[in-house]
N, C-alpha and C. Protein backbone atom coordinates (compact mmCIF):
# COMPACT_ATOMS: atom_id res chain seq x y z
N MET A 1 28.65 -64.52 -31.72
CA MET A 1 27.39 -63.85 -32.02
C MET A 1 27.35 -62.46 -31.79
N VAL A 2 26.65 -61.72 -32.58
CA VAL A 2 26.43 -60.25 -32.48
C VAL A 2 24.97 -60.05 -32.29
N LYS A 3 24.74 -59.23 -31.37
CA LYS A 3 23.26 -58.88 -31.17
C LYS A 3 23.28 -57.38 -31.16
N ILE A 4 22.43 -56.71 -32.04
CA ILE A 4 22.24 -55.38 -32.20
C ILE A 4 20.86 -54.96 -31.87
N VAL A 5 20.69 -54.09 -30.87
CA VAL A 5 19.29 -53.66 -30.43
C VAL A 5 19.25 -52.24 -30.92
N PHE A 6 18.08 -52.03 -31.67
CA PHE A 6 17.90 -50.69 -32.25
C PHE A 6 16.97 -49.78 -31.34
N LYS A 7 17.00 -48.54 -31.54
CA LYS A 7 16.16 -47.61 -30.76
C LYS A 7 14.70 -47.82 -30.89
N ASN A 8 14.30 -48.39 -32.06
CA ASN A 8 12.83 -48.66 -32.38
C ASN A 8 12.44 -50.00 -31.81
N GLY A 9 13.33 -50.73 -31.13
CA GLY A 9 12.91 -51.91 -30.53
C GLY A 9 13.39 -53.23 -31.37
N ARG A 10 13.58 -53.08 -32.60
CA ARG A 10 13.97 -54.19 -33.43
C ARG A 10 15.39 -54.74 -32.95
N VAL A 11 15.56 -55.99 -33.26
CA VAL A 11 16.95 -56.73 -32.99
C VAL A 11 17.46 -57.42 -34.20
N ALA A 12 18.75 -57.25 -34.34
CA ALA A 12 19.38 -58.02 -35.47
C ALA A 12 20.51 -58.95 -34.81
N GLU A 13 20.43 -60.26 -35.13
CA GLU A 13 21.40 -61.14 -34.46
C GLU A 13 22.20 -61.84 -35.69
N TRP A 14 23.41 -61.99 -35.46
CA TRP A 14 24.35 -62.51 -36.42
C TRP A 14 25.12 -63.70 -35.83
N THR A 15 25.16 -64.80 -36.36
CA THR A 15 25.92 -66.00 -35.75
C THR A 15 27.35 -65.78 -36.28
N LYS A 16 28.28 -66.52 -35.58
CA LYS A 16 29.66 -66.39 -35.86
C LYS A 16 29.97 -67.00 -37.33
N ASP A 17 29.12 -67.90 -37.79
CA ASP A 17 29.14 -68.39 -39.23
C ASP A 17 28.91 -67.36 -40.26
N GLU A 18 27.99 -66.43 -39.79
CA GLU A 18 27.60 -65.45 -40.83
C GLU A 18 28.67 -64.26 -41.14
N TYR A 19 29.59 -64.00 -40.16
CA TYR A 19 30.56 -62.96 -40.32
C TYR A 19 31.92 -63.44 -40.04
N ASN A 20 33.05 -62.83 -40.46
CA ASN A 20 34.38 -63.10 -40.07
C ASN A 20 35.03 -62.13 -39.12
N ASP A 21 34.54 -60.81 -39.32
CA ASP A 21 35.14 -59.75 -38.69
C ASP A 21 34.16 -58.66 -38.46
N TYR A 22 34.51 -57.62 -37.72
CA TYR A 22 33.63 -56.40 -37.57
C TYR A 22 34.56 -55.27 -37.34
N LYS A 23 33.92 -54.00 -37.75
CA LYS A 23 34.70 -52.73 -37.41
C LYS A 23 33.72 -51.76 -36.83
N TYR A 24 34.31 -50.91 -35.99
CA TYR A 24 33.55 -49.78 -35.39
C TYR A 24 34.30 -48.54 -35.44
N ASP A 25 33.91 -47.49 -36.16
CA ASP A 25 34.58 -46.31 -36.30
C ASP A 25 34.00 -45.08 -35.47
N GLY A 26 33.16 -45.44 -34.63
CA GLY A 26 32.65 -44.33 -33.79
C GLY A 26 31.28 -43.87 -34.35
N LYS A 27 30.97 -43.97 -35.61
CA LYS A 27 29.68 -43.48 -36.20
C LYS A 27 28.96 -44.70 -36.75
N CYS A 28 29.66 -45.81 -37.13
CA CYS A 28 29.01 -46.98 -37.78
C CYS A 28 29.60 -48.27 -37.18
N PHE A 29 28.80 -49.37 -37.21
CA PHE A 29 29.21 -50.72 -36.84
C PHE A 29 29.03 -51.55 -38.17
N ILE A 30 30.12 -52.24 -38.56
CA ILE A 30 30.15 -52.73 -39.78
C ILE A 30 30.56 -54.29 -39.67
N LEU A 31 29.69 -55.27 -40.15
CA LEU A 31 30.01 -56.69 -40.09
C LEU A 31 30.62 -57.06 -41.35
N ILE A 32 31.51 -57.88 -41.42
CA ILE A 32 32.46 -58.26 -42.60
C ILE A 32 32.42 -59.74 -42.67
N LYS A 33 32.21 -60.23 -43.86
CA LYS A 33 32.32 -61.72 -44.31
C LYS A 33 33.13 -61.84 -45.52
N ASP A 34 34.33 -62.46 -45.38
CA ASP A 34 35.17 -62.71 -46.52
C ASP A 34 35.50 -61.41 -47.23
N GLY A 35 35.86 -60.34 -46.49
CA GLY A 35 36.34 -59.14 -47.06
C GLY A 35 35.21 -58.24 -47.63
N ARG A 36 33.93 -58.61 -47.56
CA ARG A 36 32.77 -57.77 -47.91
C ARG A 36 31.84 -57.39 -46.74
N TRP A 37 31.52 -56.13 -46.89
CA TRP A 37 30.64 -55.51 -45.90
C TRP A 37 29.18 -56.23 -45.99
N ILE A 38 28.71 -56.92 -45.03
CA ILE A 38 27.43 -57.47 -45.02
C ILE A 38 26.42 -57.01 -44.05
N GLY A 39 26.82 -56.07 -43.11
CA GLY A 39 25.98 -55.34 -42.26
C GLY A 39 26.51 -54.01 -42.00
N PHE A 40 25.81 -53.02 -42.13
CA PHE A 40 26.28 -51.67 -41.97
C PHE A 40 25.25 -50.85 -41.06
N TYR A 41 25.62 -50.51 -39.88
CA TYR A 41 24.61 -50.03 -38.89
C TYR A 41 25.10 -48.64 -38.44
N ASN A 42 24.26 -47.59 -38.68
CA ASN A 42 24.46 -46.20 -38.08
C ASN A 42 24.22 -46.31 -36.62
N MET A 43 25.22 -45.77 -35.84
CA MET A 43 25.13 -45.87 -34.37
C MET A 43 24.03 -44.90 -33.84
N ASP A 44 23.58 -43.94 -34.68
CA ASP A 44 22.52 -43.05 -34.21
C ASP A 44 21.20 -43.71 -34.03
N CYS A 45 21.16 -44.95 -34.58
CA CYS A 45 19.94 -45.84 -34.47
C CYS A 45 20.00 -46.98 -33.58
N VAL A 46 21.24 -47.11 -33.04
CA VAL A 46 21.48 -48.31 -32.20
C VAL A 46 21.54 -48.02 -30.70
N THR A 47 20.82 -48.94 -29.91
CA THR A 47 20.83 -48.75 -28.49
C THR A 47 22.00 -49.53 -27.82
N SER A 48 22.21 -50.77 -28.36
CA SER A 48 23.29 -51.51 -27.75
C SER A 48 23.76 -52.57 -28.83
N ILE A 49 24.98 -52.97 -28.68
CA ILE A 49 25.65 -54.05 -29.47
C ILE A 49 26.34 -55.01 -28.56
N THR A 50 26.07 -56.21 -28.63
CA THR A 50 26.76 -57.22 -27.83
C THR A 50 27.51 -58.18 -28.71
N VAL A 51 28.84 -58.38 -28.50
CA VAL A 51 29.60 -59.25 -29.18
C VAL A 51 30.08 -60.38 -28.35
N GLU A 52 29.70 -61.59 -28.56
CA GLU A 52 30.18 -62.77 -27.75
C GLU A 52 31.11 -63.65 -28.54
């Protein structure tokens, strides 16, 4: 599971069935499913990310 908490208080949660992989390049956090980007998060807007 991936839990993303945003600075405005909103939370996005992704189960392991919803994604295969993820990337972090220092500016963005990207969730990937079957080679396609399904979640793209600008780190300027994120407070924390938890990957379990």
